[in-house]
C-alpha atoms as a PDB file:
ATOM      1  CA  MET A   1      69.709  69.671 167.678  1.00  0.00           C
ATOM      2  CA  SER A   2      68.944  70.297 163.996  1.00  0.00           C
ATOM      3  CA  LYS A   3      71.683  70.337 161.363  1.00  0.00           C
ATOM      4  CA  ILE A   4      71.395  74.104 160.880  1.00  0.00           C
ATOM      5  CA  ASP A   5      71.732  74.565 164.660  1.00  0.00           C
ATOM      6  CA  THR A   6      74.887  72.444 164.571  1.00  0.00           C
ATOM      7  CA  ILE A   7      76.248  74.558 161.723  1.00  0.00           C
ATOM      8  CA  HIS A   8      75.392  77.675 163.752  1.00  0.00           C
ATOM      9  CA  GLN A   9      77.505  76.409 166.656  1.00  0.00           C
ATOM     10  CA  ILE A  10      80.439  75.439 164.424  1.00  0.00           C
ATOM     11  CA  ALA A  11      80.367  78.800 162.653  1.00  0.00           C
ATOM     12  CA  LYS A  12      80.282  80.713 165.923  1.00  0.00           C
ATOM     13  CA  LYS A  13      83.369  78.870 167.100  1.00  0.00           C
ATOM     14  CA  THR A  14      85.283  79.460 163.864  1.00  0.00           C
ATOM     15  CA  LEU A  15      84.358  83.157 163.596  1.00  0.00           C
ATOM     16  CA  THR A  16      85.279  84.030 167.169  1.00  0.00           C
ATOM     17  CA  VAL A  17      88.863  85.257 167.460  1.00  0.00           C
ATOM     18  CA  PRO A  18      90.989  86.298 170.452  1.00  0.00           C
ATOM     19  CA  ALA A  19      90.730  89.974 171.356  1.00  0.00           C
ATOM     20  CA  PRO A  20      93.893  92.013 172.092  1.00  0.00           C
ATOM     21  CA  SER A  21      92.817  92.032 175.739  1.00  0.00           C
ATOM     22  CA  GLY A  22      92.808  88.254 175.773  1.00  0.00           C
ATOM     23  CA  ASP A  23      89.029  88.069 175.863  1.00  0.00           C
ATOM     24  CA  ARG A  24      86.788  86.784 173.081  1.00  0.00           C
ATOM     25  CA  ASP A  25      86.292  88.993 170.013  1.00  0.00           C
ATOM     26  CA  ASP A  26      82.786  88.491 168.600  1.00  0.00           C
ATOM     27  CA  TRP A  27      82.950  91.257 165.971  1.00  0.00           C
ATOM     28  CA  LEU A  28      82.917  88.976 162.905  1.00  0.00           C
ATOM     29  CA  TRP A  29      80.274  86.721 164.424  1.00  0.00           C
ATOM     30  CA  ASP A  30      78.063  89.732 165.106  1.00  0.00           C
ATOM     31  CA  ARG A  31      78.569  90.892 161.499  1.00  0.00           C
ATOM     32  CA  THR A  32      77.606  87.448 160.230  1.00  0.00           C
ATOM     33  CA  LEU A  33      74.362  87.454 162.206  1.00  0.00           C
ATOM     34  CA  ARG A  34      73.438  90.833 160.692  1.00  0.00           C
ATOM     35  CA  ILE A  35      74.104  89.496 157.188  1.00  0.00           C
ATOM     36  CA  ILE A  36      71.930  86.470 157.884  1.00  0.00           C
ATOM     37  CA  ARG A  37      69.105  88.764 159.029  1.00  0.00           C
ATOM     38  CA  ASN A  38      69.557  90.710 155.794  1.00  0.00           C
ATOM     39  CA  ILE A  39      69.305  87.640 153.582  1.00  0.00           C
ATOM     40  CA  GLU A  40      66.295  86.271 155.445  1.00  0.00           C
ATOM     41  CA  TYR A  41      64.378  89.445 154.582  1.00  0.00           C
ATOM     42  CA  ILE A  42      65.724  89.549 151.027  1.00  0.00           C
ATOM     43  CA  CYS A  43      64.336  86.049 150.462  1.00  0.00           C
ATOM     44  CA  ARG A  44      60.870  87.443 151.170  1.00  0.00           C
ATOM     45  CA  LEU A  45      61.042  90.312 148.665  1.00  0.00           C
ATOM     46  CA  PRO A  46      58.103  90.468 146.213  1.00  0.00           C
ATOM     47  CA  GLU A  47      60.438  90.553 143.197  1.00  0.00           C
ATOM     48  CA  LEU A  48      61.651  87.088 144.164  1.00  0.00           C
ATOM     49  CA  ALA A  49      58.230  85.757 145.085  1.00  0.00           C
ATOM     50  CA  GLU A  50      56.613  87.042 141.891  1.00  0.00           C
ATOM     51  CA  GLN A  51      59.139  85.170 139.779  1.00  0.00           C
ATOM     52  CA  ALA A  52      58.516  81.976 141.759  1.00  0.00           C
ATOM     53  CA  ILE A  53      62.270  81.580 142.209  1.00  0.00           C
ATOM     54  CA  SER A  54      63.268  78.509 144.180  1.00  0.00           C
ATOM     55  CA  ILE A  55      65.687  79.263 147.028  1.00  0.00           C
ATOM     56  CA  ASP A  56      67.639  76.660 148.983  1.00  0.00           C
ATOM     57  CA  ARG A  57      67.507  78.508 152.290  1.00  0.00           C
ATOM     58  CA  PHE A  58      69.429  75.848 154.185  1.00  0.00           C
ATOM     59  CA  CYS A  59      72.472  76.085 151.913  1.00  0.00           C
ATOM     60  CA  LEU A  60      72.117  79.877 151.650  1.00  0.00           C
ATOM     61  CA  VAL A  61      72.184  80.379 155.415  1.00  0.00           C
ATOM     62  CA  ALA A  62      75.024  77.891 155.810  1.00  0.00           C
ATOM     63  CA  ALA A  63      77.003  79.772 153.145  1.00  0.00           C
ATOM     64  CA  ALA A  64      76.371  83.056 154.942  1.00  0.00           C
ATOM     65  CA  TYR A  65      77.768  81.592 158.160  1.00  0.00           C
ATOM     66  CA  PHE A  66      81.103  80.789 156.513  1.00  0.00           C
ATOM     67  CA  ALA A  67      81.436  83.346 153.696  1.00  0.00           C
ATOM     68  CA  ASP A  68      83.565  85.708 155.807  1.00  0.00           C
ATOM     69  CA  PHE A  69      85.724  83.090 157.480  1.00  0.00           C
ATOM     70  CA  GLY A  70      88.737  84.373 155.535  1.00  0.00           C
ATOM     71  CA  LEU A  71      88.579  87.580 157.596  1.00  0.00           C
ATOM     72  CA  ALA A  72      88.602  85.584 160.834  1.00  0.00           C
ATOM     73  CA  TYR A  73      91.476  83.465 159.531  1.00  0.00           C
ATOM     74  CA  PHE A  74      93.757  86.441 158.972  1.00  0.00           C
ATOM     75  CA  GLU A  75      92.880  88.039 162.287  1.00  0.00           C
ATOM     76  CA  ARG A  76      93.517  84.750 164.092  1.00  0.00           C
ATOM     77  CA  THR A  77      96.770  83.829 162.357  1.00  0.00           C
ATOM     78  CA  GLN A  78      98.344  87.246 161.814  1.00  0.00           C
ATOM     79  CA  LYS A  79      96.878  89.191 164.747  1.00  0.00           C
ATOM     80  CA  ALA A  80      96.128  91.998 162.320  1.00  0.00           C
ATOM     81  CA  THR A  81      93.766  93.106 159.597  1.00  0.00           C
ATOM     82  CA  MET A  82      93.689  91.418 156.224  1.00  0.00           C
ATOM     83  CA  PRO A  83      96.789  92.090 154.069  1.00  0.00           C
ATOM     84  CA  THR A  84      96.161  94.340 151.071  1.00  0.00           C
ATOM     85  CA  ASP A  85      97.371  91.715 148.577  1.00  0.00           C
ATOM     86  CA  VAL A  86      94.725  89.149 149.554  1.00  0.00           C
ATOM     87  CA  THR A  87      92.197  88.584 146.757  1.00  0.00           C
ATOM     88  CA  ASN A  88      88.570  87.496 146.762  1.00  0.00           C
ATOM     89  CA  ALA A  89      89.776  84.167 145.375  1.00  0.00           C
ATOM     90  CA  ASP A  90      92.005  83.744 148.428  1.00  0.00           C
ATOM     91  CA  LEU A  91      89.092  84.450 150.761  1.00  0.00           C
ATOM     92  CA  CYS A  92      86.846  82.046 148.849  1.00  0.00           C
ATOM     93  CA  ASN A  93      89.425  79.280 149.052  1.00  0.00           C
ATOM     94  CA  ILE A  94      89.781  79.694 152.809  1.00  0.00           C
ATOM     95  CA  SER A  95      86.021  79.806 153.352  1.00  0.00           C
ATOM     96  CA  THR A  96      85.201  76.846 151.142  1.00  0.00           C
ATOM     97  CA  GLN A  97      87.985  74.736 152.624  1.00  0.00           C
ATOM     98  CA  THR A  98      86.646  75.556 156.078  1.00  0.00           C
ATOM     99  CA  VAL A  99      83.184  74.378 155.036  1.00  0.00           C
ATOM    100  CA  SER A 100      84.598  71.144 153.665  1.00  0.00           C
ATOM    101  CA  ASP A 101      86.716  70.510 156.761  1.00  0.00           C
ATOM    102  CA  ASN A 102      84.102  71.372 159.384  1.00  0.00           C
ATOM    103  CA  LEU A 103      80.837  70.149 157.898  1.00  0.00           C
ATOM    104  CA  ALA A 104      81.897  66.791 156.448  1.00  0.00           C
ATOM    105  CA  ASP A 105      80.393  64.935 159.397  1.00  0.00           C
ATOM    106  CA  VAL A 106      77.259  67.082 159.524  1.00  0.00           C
ATOM    107  CA  ILE A 107      75.801  67.212 156.009  1.00  0.00           C
ATOM    108  CA  THR A 108      76.151  65.413 152.672  1.00  0.00           C
ATOM    109  CA  ASP A 109      78.868  66.113 150.123  1.00  0.00           C
ATOM    110  CA  THR A 110      76.182  67.375 147.743  1.00  0.00           C
ATOM    111  CA  ARG A 111      75.143  70.075 150.192  1.00  0.00           C
ATOM    112  CA  ILE A 112      78.757  70.976 150.953  1.00  0.00           C
ATOM    113  CA  ASP A 113      79.411  71.432 147.229  1.00  0.00           C
ATOM    114  CA  LYS A 114      76.347  73.678 146.886  1.00  0.00           C
ATOM    115  CA  ILE A 115      77.297  75.786 149.920  1.00  0.00           C
ATOM    116  CA  ASN A 116      80.793  76.262 148.522  1.00  0.00           C
ATOM    117  CA  ARG A 117      79.410  77.204 145.121  1.00  0.00           C
ATOM    118  CA  ILE A 118      77.172  79.848 146.701  1.00  0.00           C
ATOM    119  CA  ILE A 119      80.146  81.332 148.561  1.00  0.00           C
ATOM    120  CA  THR A 120      82.339  81.390 145.462  1.00  0.00           C
ATOM    121  CA  GLU A 121      79.638  82.731 143.141  1.00  0.00           C
ATOM    122  CA  SER A 122      78.684  85.474 145.599  1.00  0.00           C
ATOM    123  CA  PHE A 123      81.873  87.262 144.520  1.00  0.00           C
ATOM    124  CA  ASN A 124      80.933  86.979 140.832  1.00  0.00           C
ATOM    125  CA  ARG A 125      79.023  90.006 139.526  1.00  0.00           C
ATOM    126  CA  PHE A 126      77.614  87.972 136.647  1.00  0.00           C
ATOM    127  CA  THR A 127      76.508  84.895 138.568  1.00  0.00           C
ATOM    128  CA  ASP A 128      73.168  83.293 137.789  1.00  0.00           C
ATOM    129  CA  VAL A 129      73.028  81.475 141.140  1.00  0.00           C
ATOM    130  CA  THR A 130      70.072  82.964 143.023  1.00  0.00           C
ATOM    131  CA  GLU A 131      71.427  82.140 146.480  1.00  0.00           C
ATOM    132  CA  ALA A 132      74.756  83.764 145.601  1.00  0.00           C
ATOM    133  CA  LYS A 133      72.973  86.945 144.490  1.00  0.00           C
ATOM    134  CA  ILE A 134      71.087  87.079 147.780  1.00  0.00           C
ATOM    135  CA  LEU A 135      74.246  86.519 149.827  1.00  0.00           C
ATOM    136  CA  SER A 136      76.075  89.207 147.864  1.00  0.00           C
ATOM    137  CA  ASP A 137      73.287  91.730 148.431  1.00  0.00           C
ATOM    138  CA  GLY A 138      73.143  90.841 152.132  1.00  0.00           C
ATOM    139  CA  ARG A 139      76.851  91.545 152.489  1.00  0.00           C
ATOM    140  CA  GLY A 140      76.577  94.700 150.410  1.00  0.00           C
ATOM    141  CA  LEU A 141      73.926  96.127 152.725  1.00  0.00           C
ATOM    142  CA  GLU A 142      76.232  95.495 155.673  1.00  0.00           C
ATOM    143  CA  ASP A 143      79.154  97.258 153.985  1.00  0.00           C
ATOM    144  CA  LEU A 144      77.219 100.360 152.902  1.00  0.00           C
ATOM    145  CA  GLY A 145      75.554 101.140 156.213  1.00  0.00           C
ATOM    146  CA  VAL A 146      76.736 102.596 159.494  1.00  0.00           C
ATOM    147  CA  ALA A 147      77.521  99.104 160.807  1.00  0.00           C
ATOM    148  CA  GLY A 148      79.892  98.616 157.895  1.00  0.00           C
ATOM    149  CA  LEU A 149      81.456 101.975 158.657  1.00  0.00           C
ATOM    150  CA  LEU A 150      82.156 100.831 162.198  1.00  0.00           C
ATOM    151  CA  GLY A 151      83.930  97.844 160.694  1.00  0.00           C
ATOM    152  CA  GLU A 152      86.129 100.245 158.711  1.00  0.00           C
ATOM    153  CA  PHE A 153      86.877 102.143 161.916  1.00  0.00           C
ATOM    154  CA  ARG A 154      87.831  98.882 163.572  1.00  0.00           C
ATOM    155  CA  ARG A 155      90.277  97.954 160.806  1.00  0.00           C
ATOM    156  CA  GLN A 156      91.857 101.402 160.884  1.00  0.00           C
ATOM    157  CA  LEU A 157      92.219 101.326 164.666  1.00  0.00           C
ATOM    158  CA  MET A 158      93.803  97.884 164.546  1.00  0.00           C
ATOM    159  CA  ASP A 159      96.380  99.346 162.166  1.00  0.00           C
ATOM    160  CA  GLY A 160      97.093 102.223 164.555  1.00  0.00           C
ATOM    161  CA  LYS A 161      95.185 104.849 162.568  1.00  0.00           C
ATOM    162  CA  GLY A 162      93.161 107.748 163.968  1.00  0.00           C
ATOM    163  CA  VAL A 163      90.057 109.721 163.059  1.00  0.00           C
ATOM    164  CA  SER A 164      91.919 111.875 160.530  1.00  0.00           C
ATOM    165  CA  ASP A 165      93.104 108.739 158.715  1.00  0.00           C
ATOM    166  CA  VAL A 166      89.571 107.338 158.611  1.00  0.00           C
ATOM    167  CA  LEU A 167      88.278 110.602 157.154  1.00  0.00           C
ATOM    168  CA  GLU A 168      91.041 110.704 154.562  1.00  0.00           C
ATOM    169  CA  SER A 169      90.253 107.144 153.477  1.00  0.00           C
ATOM    170  CA  TRP A 170      86.576 108.059 153.193  1.00  0.00           C
ATOM    171  CA  LYS A 171      87.412 111.178 151.181  1.00  0.00           C
ATOM    172  CA  ARG A 172      89.525 109.201 148.705  1.00  0.00           C
ATOM    173  CA  LYS A 173      86.754 106.668 148.148  1.00  0.00           C
ATOM    174  CA  ILE A 174      84.264 109.479 147.507  1.00  0.00           C
ATOM    175  CA  GLU A 175      86.633 111.183 145.062  1.00  0.00           C
ATOM    176  CA  TYR A 176      87.278 107.935 143.179  1.00  0.00           C
ATOM    177  CA  GLY A 177      83.564 107.151 143.001  1.00  0.00           C
ATOM    178  CA  TYR A 178      84.015 103.907 144.936  1.00  0.00           C
ATOM    179  CA  TRP A 179      80.723 104.052 146.833  1.00  0.00           C
ATOM    180  CA  GLN A 180      78.788 105.289 143.831  1.00  0.00           C
ATOM    181  CA  ALA A 181      80.069 102.325 141.818  1.00  0.00           C
ATOM    182  CA  ARG A 182      79.109  99.916 144.609  1.00  0.00           C
ATOM    183  CA  LEU A 183      75.577 101.290 144.672  1.00  0.00           C
ATOM    184  CA  LYS A 184      75.262 101.071 140.896  1.00  0.00           C
ATOM    185  CA  GLU A 185      76.886  97.711 140.226  1.00  0.00           C
ATOM    186  CA  SER A 186      76.929  95.595 143.381  1.00  0.00           C
ATOM    187  CA  PHE A 187      73.237  94.956 143.975  1.00  0.00           C
ATOM    188  CA  ARG A 188      71.163  92.404 142.108  1.00  0.00           C
ATOM    189  CA  PHE A 189      67.747  93.365 143.470  1.00  0.00           C
ATOM    190  CA  ALA A 190      66.177  96.801 142.998  1.00  0.00           C
ATOM    191  CA  ALA A 191      64.557  96.885 146.448  1.00  0.00           C
ATOM    192  CA  VAL A 192      67.874  96.107 148.120  1.00  0.00           C
ATOM    193  CA  ARG A 193      69.634  98.830 146.132  1.00  0.00           C
ATOM    194  CA  THR A 194      67.018 101.345 147.311  1.00  0.00           C
ATOM    195  CA  ILE A 195      67.648 100.391 150.939  1.00  0.00           C
ATOM    196  CA  ALA A 196      71.400 100.509 150.355  1.00  0.00           C
ATOM    197  CA  LYS A 197      71.088 104.088 149.122  1.00  0.00           C
ATOM    198  CA  LYS A 198      69.220 105.047 152.304  1.00  0.00           C
ATOM    199  CA  ARG A 199      71.823 103.370 154.485  1.00  0.00           C
ATOM    200  CA  PHE A 200      74.626 105.094 152.599  1.00  0.00           C
ATOM    201  CA  ALA A 201      72.911 108.487 153.013  1.00  0.00           C
ATOM    202  CA  ALA A 202      72.856 107.908 156.776  1.00  0.00           C
ATOM    203  CA  THR A 203      76.535 106.957 156.647  1.00  0.00           C
ATOM    204  CA  GLU A 204      77.349 110.163 154.770  1.00  0.00           C
ATOM    205  CA  ARG A 205      75.604 112.240 157.434  1.00  0.00           C
ATOM    206  CA  PHE A 206      77.593 110.445 160.110  1.00  0.00           C
ATOM    207  CA  MET A 207      80.892 111.072 158.313  1.00  0.00           C
ATOM    208  CA  ASN A 208      80.060 114.730 157.699  1.00  0.00           C
ATOM    209  CA  GLN A 209      79.444 115.167 161.424  1.00  0.00           C
ATOM    210  CA  LEU A 210      82.692 113.373 162.206  1.00  0.00           C
ATOM    211  CA  ALA A 211      84.576 115.705 159.847  1.00  0.00           C
ATOM    212  CA  THR A 212      83.013 118.718 161.545  1.00  0.00           C
ATOM    213  CA  GLU A 213      84.028 117.513 164.982  1.00  0.00           C
ATOM    214  CA  ASN A 214      87.532 116.609 163.819  1.00  0.00           C
ATOM    215  CA  THR A 215      88.215 120.167 162.666  1.00  0.00           C
ATOM    216  CA  ALA A 216      86.120 121.829 165.380  1.00  0.00           C
ATOM    217  CA  GLY A 217      84.125 123.289 162.518  1.00  0.00           C
ATOM    218  CA  ASP A 218      81.043 123.754 164.682  1.00  0.00           C
ATOM    219  CA  LEU A 219      83.037 125.881 167.121  1.00  0.00           C
ATOM    220  CA  GLU A 220      84.480 127.899 164.261  1.00  0.00           C
ATOM    221  CA  GLU A 221      80.989 128.505 162.909  1.00  0.00           C
ATOM    222  CA  ARG A 222      79.722 129.555 166.330  1.00  0.00           C
ATOM    223  CA  LEU A 223      82.543 132.051 166.812  1.00  0.00           C
ATOM    224  CA  ALA A 224      81.982 133.480 163.350  1.00  0.00           C
ATOM    225  CA  LYS A 225      78.453 134.437 164.387  1.00  0.00           C
ATOM    226  CA  ILE A 226      79.591 136.388 167.445  1.00  0.00           C
ATOM    227  CA  PRO A 227      79.732 140.128 166.661  1.00  0.00           C
ATOM    228  CA  LYS A 228      83.211 141.538 166.877  1.00  0.00           C
ATOM    229  CA  ARG A 229      83.805 144.132 169.573  1.00  0.00           C
ATOM    230  CA  LYS A 230      84.515 147.619 168.406  1.00  0.00           C
END
């Protein structure tokens, strides 16, 4: 088994948490695999190739496996979603410590240090670490698409919220310009930003349909078209 295969197995074990039913909850592991697929394609973008940028794919993929371990940690230890007062620094510390603890017998200290730097720098908007930029864009694509929206639904449901609460949260983020700011500031590569905009447009259509169904707006519209009896 190669070292990256070993890391794959360790990451799968750490990102799998108990489900409320007592079964295995693979949600975060599934999310991680999508992010890894994102970054593998980002690495092949012409704007990276044309600049002849060197990418340490081993450390990048390893960082992607563990970058979201903080989310798994809180779900495992608190049986709930992440507390609102947890910062990116907190998540980085948990993730990097997990890398150091779990990979010490698998790879060299030099590689562990680089993996941890990629994770930490991926939260820094002004980083000059190429691998961190790629990881950040890979996560951003996940958050701005329909898959990311399902993750928001999951968090709301775990907190006992319903469809109306999800829609209200979405409405507030639109009003505050949250998503617009993410699209403008969170992506390092132009091609990825273009794809993110398309994914977000699909998410908006989904949420508009959900809002219609929540208020029975389609039924109201249908009844409004029926001629009134004299």
